[in-house]
């Protein structure tokens, strides 16, 4: 968690433009932001910095599902940290359905249907719960 009660969000996205847009929007909305472009870097940041929420892409180097599986092995932080999937993949493959059931992300957002404002709204909702 950041100083002064400010919530920290880890944005895990390999598309630099989208990562920058989300990071800027979150900072403007009062969040501290960490960023990673792949699952390996994201896992190291998550375990080292303990952000309050992770906004996680699935399709990227060292994919999001693998990263989340590894994170959930960490006690107690990794098991309880709130995660929102933000991806262009429909949740219709067995691997994704099983990952959602097993790792219980708070929300599953499709990038094409999600504005930065909607993402911030869902992050606030997840952190309030």
N, C-alpha and C. Protein backbone atom coordinates (compact mmCIF):
# COMPACT_ATOMS: atom_id res chain seq x y z
N UNK A 1 0.83 -1.17 0.00
CA UNK A 1 0.00 0.00 0.00
C UNK A 1 0.88 1.24 0.00
N UNK A 2 0.46 2.27 -0.71
CA UNK A 2 1.21 3.51 -0.80
C UNK A 2 1.04 4.35 0.46
N UNK A 3 1.78 5.43 0.53
CA UNK A 3 1.73 6.31 1.70
C UNK A 3 0.37 6.97 1.86
N UNK A 4 0.03 7.32 3.09
CA UNK A 4 -1.17 8.08 3.36
C UNK A 4 -2.47 7.38 3.05
N UNK A 5 -2.45 6.05 3.02
CA UNK A 5 -3.68 5.33 2.75
C UNK A 5 -4.02 5.23 1.27
N UNK A 6 -3.19 5.79 0.41
CA UNK A 6 -3.42 5.72 -1.03
C UNK A 6 -3.33 4.26 -1.47
N UNK A 7 -4.29 3.81 -2.25
CA UNK A 7 -4.29 2.44 -2.74
C UNK A 7 -3.35 2.30 -3.94
N UNK A 8 -2.70 1.15 -4.00
CA UNK A 8 -1.76 0.87 -5.09
C UNK A 8 -2.35 -0.18 -6.02
N UNK A 9 -2.29 0.10 -7.32
CA UNK A 9 -2.76 -0.82 -8.35
C UNK A 9 -1.58 -1.21 -9.23
N UNK A 10 -1.41 -2.50 -9.43
CA UNK A 10 -0.41 -3.02 -10.36
C UNK A 10 -1.11 -3.28 -11.69
N UNK A 11 -0.70 -2.54 -12.73
CA UNK A 11 -1.26 -2.71 -14.07
C UNK A 11 -0.32 -3.62 -14.84
N UNK A 12 -0.82 -4.79 -15.22
CA UNK A 12 -0.02 -5.78 -15.94
C UNK A 12 -0.57 -5.86 -17.36
N UNK A 13 0.16 -5.25 -18.28
CA UNK A 13 -0.31 -5.11 -19.66
C UNK A 13 0.90 -4.99 -20.57
N UNK A 14 0.96 -5.82 -21.63
CA UNK A 14 2.10 -5.78 -22.53
C UNK A 14 1.94 -4.79 -23.68
N UNK A 15 0.76 -4.24 -23.87
CA UNK A 15 0.56 -3.18 -24.87
C UNK A 15 0.91 -1.85 -24.20
N UNK A 16 2.05 -1.27 -24.58
CA UNK A 16 2.56 -0.07 -23.91
C UNK A 16 1.57 1.09 -23.92
N UNK A 17 0.89 1.30 -25.03
CA UNK A 17 -0.05 2.42 -25.11
C UNK A 17 -1.17 2.25 -24.11
N UNK A 18 -1.76 1.08 -24.06
CA UNK A 18 -2.85 0.82 -23.11
C UNK A 18 -2.34 0.89 -21.67
N UNK A 19 -1.15 0.34 -21.42
CA UNK A 19 -0.57 0.41 -20.08
C UNK A 19 -0.43 1.88 -19.65
N UNK A 20 0.09 2.73 -20.55
CA UNK A 20 0.26 4.15 -20.24
C UNK A 20 -1.07 4.84 -19.99
N UNK A 21 -2.06 4.57 -20.82
CA UNK A 21 -3.39 5.18 -20.66
C UNK A 21 -3.98 4.81 -19.30
N UNK A 22 -3.93 3.53 -18.96
CA UNK A 22 -4.48 3.08 -17.69
C UNK A 22 -3.71 3.66 -16.50
N UNK A 23 -2.39 3.66 -16.59
CA UNK A 23 -1.58 4.20 -15.49
C UNK A 23 -1.87 5.68 -15.27
N UNK A 24 -1.96 6.44 -16.35
CA UNK A 24 -2.24 7.87 -16.23
C UNK A 24 -3.63 8.12 -15.65
N UNK A 25 -4.60 7.36 -16.10
CA UNK A 25 -5.97 7.51 -15.59
C UNK A 25 -6.02 7.18 -14.10
N UNK A 26 -5.38 6.11 -13.70
CA UNK A 26 -5.39 5.71 -12.30
C UNK A 26 -4.67 6.74 -11.42
N UNK A 27 -3.54 7.24 -11.90
CA UNK A 27 -2.82 8.27 -11.13
C UNK A 27 -3.67 9.53 -10.99
N UNK A 28 -4.35 9.92 -12.07
CA UNK A 28 -5.24 11.09 -12.04
C UNK A 28 -6.37 10.89 -11.03
N UNK A 29 -6.79 9.63 -10.86
CA UNK A 29 -7.88 9.31 -9.94
C UNK A 29 -7.39 9.08 -8.51
N UNK A 30 -6.08 9.28 -8.26
CA UNK A 30 -5.57 9.23 -6.91
C UNK A 30 -4.93 7.93 -6.47
N UNK A 31 -4.70 7.02 -7.40
CA UNK A 31 -4.06 5.76 -7.08
C UNK A 31 -2.55 5.85 -7.29
N UNK A 32 -1.81 5.09 -6.50
CA UNK A 32 -0.40 4.85 -6.80
C UNK A 32 -0.39 3.70 -7.80
N UNK A 33 0.51 3.76 -8.79
CA UNK A 33 0.49 2.77 -9.86
C UNK A 33 1.86 2.14 -10.04
N UNK A 34 1.85 0.82 -10.16
CA UNK A 34 3.00 0.04 -10.57
C UNK A 34 2.65 -0.56 -11.93
N UNK A 35 3.63 -0.77 -12.79
CA UNK A 35 3.34 -1.37 -14.09
C UNK A 35 4.32 -2.49 -14.39
N UNK A 36 3.82 -3.46 -15.16
CA UNK A 36 4.64 -4.57 -15.64
C UNK A 36 4.13 -4.98 -17.01
N UNK A 37 5.03 -5.42 -17.87
CA UNK A 37 4.66 -5.81 -19.22
C UNK A 37 4.62 -7.30 -19.45
N UNK A 38 4.90 -8.08 -18.40
CA UNK A 38 4.84 -9.53 -18.53
C UNK A 38 4.60 -10.14 -17.15
N UNK A 39 4.25 -11.40 -17.15
CA UNK A 39 3.91 -12.08 -15.90
C UNK A 39 5.06 -12.24 -14.94
N UNK A 40 6.28 -12.42 -15.45
CA UNK A 40 7.44 -12.57 -14.56
C UNK A 40 7.69 -11.30 -13.77
N UNK A 41 7.72 -10.16 -14.48
CA UNK A 41 7.93 -8.88 -13.80
C UNK A 41 6.77 -8.58 -12.84
N UNK A 42 5.56 -8.91 -13.27
CA UNK A 42 4.37 -8.66 -12.44
C UNK A 42 4.43 -9.47 -11.15
N UNK A 43 4.82 -10.73 -11.25
CA UNK A 43 4.90 -11.58 -10.06
C UNK A 43 5.92 -11.02 -9.07
N UNK A 44 7.08 -10.63 -9.57
CA UNK A 44 8.12 -10.06 -8.70
C UNK A 44 7.63 -8.78 -8.03
N UNK A 45 6.97 -7.90 -8.79
CA UNK A 45 6.44 -6.66 -8.22
C UNK A 45 5.36 -6.94 -7.19
N UNK A 46 4.46 -7.85 -7.52
CA UNK A 46 3.35 -8.16 -6.61
C UNK A 46 3.88 -8.71 -5.28
N UNK A 47 4.81 -9.64 -5.36
CA UNK A 47 5.34 -10.25 -4.14
C UNK A 47 6.23 -9.29 -3.35
N UNK A 48 6.88 -8.37 -4.05
CA UNK A 48 7.76 -7.43 -3.39
C UNK A 48 7.07 -6.19 -2.84
N UNK A 49 6.05 -5.72 -3.55
CA UNK A 49 5.41 -4.44 -3.20
C UNK A 49 4.01 -4.59 -2.60
N UNK A 50 3.38 -5.74 -2.78
CA UNK A 50 2.03 -6.01 -2.25
C UNK A 50 1.00 -4.94 -2.62
N UNK A 51 0.77 -4.73 -3.92
CA UNK A 51 -0.26 -3.77 -4.30
C UNK A 51 -1.62 -4.22 -3.78
N UNK A 52 -2.53 -3.27 -3.65
CA UNK A 52 -3.87 -3.56 -3.14
C UNK A 52 -4.72 -4.30 -4.16
N UNK A 53 -4.43 -4.10 -5.45
CA UNK A 53 -5.20 -4.73 -6.52
C UNK A 53 -4.29 -4.92 -7.72
N UNK A 54 -4.54 -5.98 -8.48
CA UNK A 54 -3.79 -6.25 -9.70
C UNK A 54 -4.76 -6.27 -10.87
N UNK A 55 -4.49 -5.42 -11.86
CA UNK A 55 -5.24 -5.38 -13.11
C UNK A 55 -4.43 -6.19 -14.09
N UNK A 56 -4.94 -7.36 -14.50
CA UNK A 56 -4.12 -8.39 -15.14
C UNK A 56 -4.61 -8.79 -16.52
N UNK A 57 -3.74 -8.58 -17.51
CA UNK A 57 -3.98 -9.08 -18.86
C UNK A 57 -3.70 -10.59 -18.86
N UNK A 58 -4.30 -11.31 -19.79
CA UNK A 58 -4.05 -12.75 -19.88
C UNK A 58 -3.01 -13.06 -20.94
N UNK A 59 -3.20 -12.53 -22.15
CA UNK A 59 -2.30 -12.84 -23.26
C UNK A 59 -1.12 -11.88 -23.28
N UNK A 60 0.02 -12.37 -22.82
CA UNK A 60 1.26 -11.60 -22.79
C UNK A 60 2.39 -12.58 -22.51
N UNK A 61 3.64 -12.13 -22.61
CA UNK A 61 4.73 -13.03 -22.22
C UNK A 61 4.56 -13.46 -20.77
N UNK A 62 4.81 -14.73 -20.50
CA UNK A 62 4.53 -15.33 -19.18
C UNK A 62 3.11 -14.90 -18.81
N UNK A 63 2.15 -15.56 -19.39
CA UNK A 63 0.75 -15.13 -19.40
C UNK A 63 0.16 -14.88 -18.02
N UNK A 64 -0.94 -14.16 -18.02
CA UNK A 64 -1.60 -13.76 -16.78
C UNK A 64 -2.12 -14.92 -15.94
N UNK A 65 -2.61 -15.96 -16.57
CA UNK A 65 -3.13 -17.10 -15.81
C UNK A 65 -1.98 -17.79 -15.08
N UNK A 66 -0.86 -18.00 -15.76
CA UNK A 66 0.30 -18.62 -15.11
C UNK A 66 0.79 -17.75 -13.96
N UNK A 67 0.86 -16.44 -14.20
CA UNK A 67 1.30 -15.52 -13.16
C UNK A 67 0.39 -15.62 -11.95
N UNK A 68 -0.93 -15.63 -12.19
CA UNK A 68 -1.89 -15.68 -11.09
C UNK A 68 -1.80 -17.01 -10.34
N UNK A 69 -1.60 -18.10 -11.05
CA UNK A 69 -1.44 -19.40 -10.39
C UNK A 69 -0.24 -19.38 -9.44
N UNK A 70 0.86 -18.79 -9.89
CA UNK A 70 2.05 -18.70 -9.05
C UNK A 70 1.82 -17.75 -7.87
N UNK A 71 1.15 -16.65 -8.11
CA UNK A 71 0.87 -15.68 -7.05
C UNK A 71 -0.01 -16.28 -5.97
N UNK A 72 -1.01 -17.05 -6.35
CA UNK A 72 -1.95 -17.61 -5.38
C UNK A 72 -1.29 -18.63 -4.44
N UNK A 73 -0.08 -19.08 -4.75
CA UNK A 73 0.65 -19.99 -3.85
C UNK A 73 1.25 -19.25 -2.66
N UNK A 74 1.34 -17.93 -2.75
CA UNK A 74 1.95 -17.13 -1.69
C UNK A 74 0.94 -16.93 -0.56
N UNK A 75 1.41 -17.19 0.67
CA UNK A 75 0.57 -17.01 1.87
C UNK A 75 1.07 -15.82 2.66
N UNK A 76 0.26 -14.96 3.17
CA UNK A 76 -1.16 -14.85 2.92
C UNK A 76 -1.48 -13.91 1.77
N UNK A 77 -0.51 -13.04 1.39
CA UNK A 77 -0.81 -11.99 0.41
C UNK A 77 -1.37 -12.52 -0.90
N UNK A 78 -0.65 -13.43 -1.54
CA UNK A 78 -1.03 -13.90 -2.87
C UNK A 78 -2.39 -14.56 -2.93
N UNK A 79 -2.78 -15.20 -1.85
CA UNK A 79 -4.07 -15.89 -1.83
C UNK A 79 -5.24 -14.92 -1.73
N UNK A 80 -5.01 -13.73 -1.15
CA UNK A 80 -6.14 -12.84 -0.89
C UNK A 80 -6.16 -11.56 -1.73
N UNK A 81 -5.06 -11.22 -2.43
CA UNK A 81 -5.05 -9.97 -3.18
C UNK A 81 -6.15 -9.99 -4.25
N UNK A 82 -6.80 -8.85 -4.41
CA UNK A 82 -7.87 -8.75 -5.41
C UNK A 82 -7.26 -8.58 -6.80
N UNK A 83 -7.86 -9.30 -7.76
CA UNK A 83 -7.38 -9.30 -9.14
C UNK A 83 -8.56 -9.05 -10.06
N UNK A 84 -8.33 -8.21 -11.07
CA UNK A 84 -9.31 -8.00 -12.14
C UNK A 84 -8.62 -8.40 -13.43
N UNK A 85 -9.22 -9.34 -14.17
CA UNK A 85 -8.73 -9.66 -15.51
C UNK A 85 -9.22 -8.58 -16.46
N UNK A 86 -8.31 -8.06 -17.28
CA UNK A 86 -8.66 -7.12 -18.35
C UNK A 86 -8.01 -7.67 -19.60
N UNK A 87 -8.83 -8.24 -20.49
CA UNK A 87 -8.30 -9.01 -21.61
C UNK A 87 -9.22 -8.87 -22.82
N UNK A 88 -8.73 -9.30 -23.96
CA UNK A 88 -9.58 -9.38 -25.15
C UNK A 88 -10.06 -10.80 -25.39
N UNK A 89 -9.70 -11.72 -24.50
CA UNK A 89 -10.13 -13.12 -24.65
C UNK A 89 -11.51 -13.31 -24.02
N UNK A 90 -12.40 -13.94 -24.75
CA UNK A 90 -13.68 -14.30 -24.18
C UNK A 90 -13.47 -15.43 -23.17
N UNK A 91 -14.21 -15.41 -22.08
CA UNK A 91 -14.02 -16.45 -21.07
C UNK A 91 -14.71 -17.75 -21.46
N UNK A 92 -14.33 -18.30 -22.62
CA UNK A 92 -15.04 -19.47 -23.11
C UNK A 92 -14.15 -20.68 -23.36
N UNK A 93 -12.87 -20.59 -23.03
CA UNK A 93 -12.02 -21.77 -23.16
C UNK A 93 -11.93 -22.45 -21.80
N UNK A 94 -11.67 -23.75 -21.82
CA UNK A 94 -11.58 -24.49 -20.56
C UNK A 94 -10.54 -23.91 -19.62
N UNK A 95 -9.39 -23.51 -20.18
CA UNK A 95 -8.31 -22.98 -19.33
C UNK A 95 -8.75 -21.70 -18.63
N UNK A 96 -9.41 -20.81 -19.35
CA UNK A 96 -9.85 -19.55 -18.75
C UNK A 96 -10.96 -19.81 -17.75
N UNK A 97 -11.92 -20.63 -18.10
CA UNK A 97 -13.02 -20.94 -17.17
C UNK A 97 -12.48 -21.55 -15.89
N UNK A 98 -11.56 -22.49 -16.00
CA UNK A 98 -10.96 -23.12 -14.81
C UNK A 98 -10.18 -22.11 -13.99
N UNK A 99 -9.45 -21.20 -14.66
CA UNK A 99 -8.68 -20.19 -13.94
C UNK A 99 -9.60 -19.25 -13.17
N UNK A 100 -10.70 -18.87 -13.79
CA UNK A 100 -11.66 -17.99 -13.12
C UNK A 100 -12.27 -18.70 -11.91
N UNK A 101 -12.64 -19.95 -12.07
CA UNK A 101 -13.22 -20.71 -10.96
C UNK A 101 -12.22 -20.91 -9.83
N UNK A 102 -10.99 -21.22 -10.17
CA UNK A 102 -9.96 -21.54 -9.18
C UNK A 102 -9.41 -20.30 -8.48
N UNK A 103 -9.21 -19.23 -9.24
CA UNK A 103 -8.49 -18.07 -8.70
C UNK A 103 -9.39 -16.87 -8.42
N UNK A 104 -10.64 -16.97 -8.75
CA UNK A 104 -11.66 -16.01 -8.38
C UNK A 104 -11.29 -14.55 -8.55
N UNK A 105 -11.05 -14.11 -9.80
CA UNK A 105 -10.85 -12.67 -9.98
C UNK A 105 -12.15 -11.94 -9.60
N UNK A 106 -12.01 -10.70 -9.17
CA UNK A 106 -13.18 -9.94 -8.75
C UNK A 106 -14.06 -9.61 -9.96
N UNK A 107 -13.41 -9.24 -11.07
CA UNK A 107 -14.13 -8.95 -12.32
C UNK A 107 -13.35 -9.53 -13.49
N UNK A 108 -14.06 -9.77 -14.58
CA UNK A 108 -13.47 -10.21 -15.84
C UNK A 108 -13.95 -9.22 -16.88
N UNK A 109 -13.07 -8.30 -17.27
CA UNK A 109 -13.45 -7.24 -18.21
C UNK A 109 -12.84 -7.50 -19.57
N UNK A 110 -13.62 -7.25 -20.60
CA UNK A 110 -13.15 -7.36 -21.98
C UNK A 110 -12.66 -5.97 -22.40
N UNK A 111 -11.41 -5.89 -22.86
CA UNK A 111 -10.82 -4.60 -23.21
C UNK A 111 -11.68 -3.81 -24.19
N UNK A 112 -12.17 -4.48 -25.22
CA UNK A 112 -12.94 -3.79 -26.25
C UNK A 112 -14.22 -3.14 -25.71
N UNK A 113 -14.70 -3.64 -24.59
CA UNK A 113 -15.94 -3.12 -24.00
C UNK A 113 -15.70 -2.27 -22.76
N UNK A 114 -14.45 -1.94 -22.45
CA UNK A 114 -14.12 -1.29 -21.19
C UNK A 114 -13.34 0.00 -21.42
N UNK A 115 -13.93 1.11 -21.04
CA UNK A 115 -13.23 2.39 -21.08
C UNK A 115 -12.34 2.52 -19.84
N UNK A 116 -11.35 3.40 -19.87
CA UNK A 116 -10.57 3.63 -18.66
C UNK A 116 -11.43 4.04 -17.46
N UNK A 117 -12.47 4.80 -17.70
CA UNK A 117 -13.37 5.19 -16.61
C UNK A 117 -14.09 3.99 -16.01
N UNK A 118 -14.53 3.06 -16.86
CA UNK A 118 -15.18 1.85 -16.36
C UNK A 118 -14.18 1.02 -15.55
N UNK A 119 -12.95 0.93 -16.01
CA UNK A 119 -11.92 0.16 -15.29
C UNK A 119 -11.72 0.78 -13.90
N UNK A 120 -11.63 2.10 -13.82
CA UNK A 120 -11.47 2.77 -12.52
C UNK A 120 -12.68 2.48 -11.63
N UNK A 121 -13.87 2.53 -12.20
CA UNK A 121 -15.09 2.25 -11.43
C UNK A 121 -15.04 0.83 -10.84
N UNK A 122 -14.63 -0.13 -11.64
CA UNK A 122 -14.55 -1.52 -11.18
C UNK A 122 -13.45 -1.71 -10.13
N UNK A 123 -12.35 -0.99 -10.30
CA UNK A 123 -11.28 -1.06 -9.29
C UNK A 123 -11.79 -0.51 -7.97
N UNK A 124 -12.46 0.63 -8.00
CA UNK A 124 -13.01 1.20 -6.76
C UNK A 124 -14.01 0.22 -6.11
N UNK A 125 -14.84 -0.38 -6.94
CA UNK A 125 -15.82 -1.35 -6.43
C UNK A 125 -15.12 -2.56 -5.80
N UNK A 126 -14.09 -3.06 -6.45
CA UNK A 126 -13.36 -4.21 -5.93
C UNK A 126 -12.66 -3.88 -4.61
N UNK A 127 -12.09 -2.71 -4.52
CA UNK A 127 -11.38 -2.32 -3.31
C UNK A 127 -12.33 -2.02 -2.16
N UNK A 128 -13.54 -1.65 -2.47
CA UNK A 128 -14.52 -1.36 -1.43
C UNK A 128 -15.12 -2.63 -0.82
N UNK A 129 -15.06 -3.74 -1.58
CA UNK A 129 -15.69 -4.98 -1.17
C UNK A 129 -14.93 -5.80 -0.20
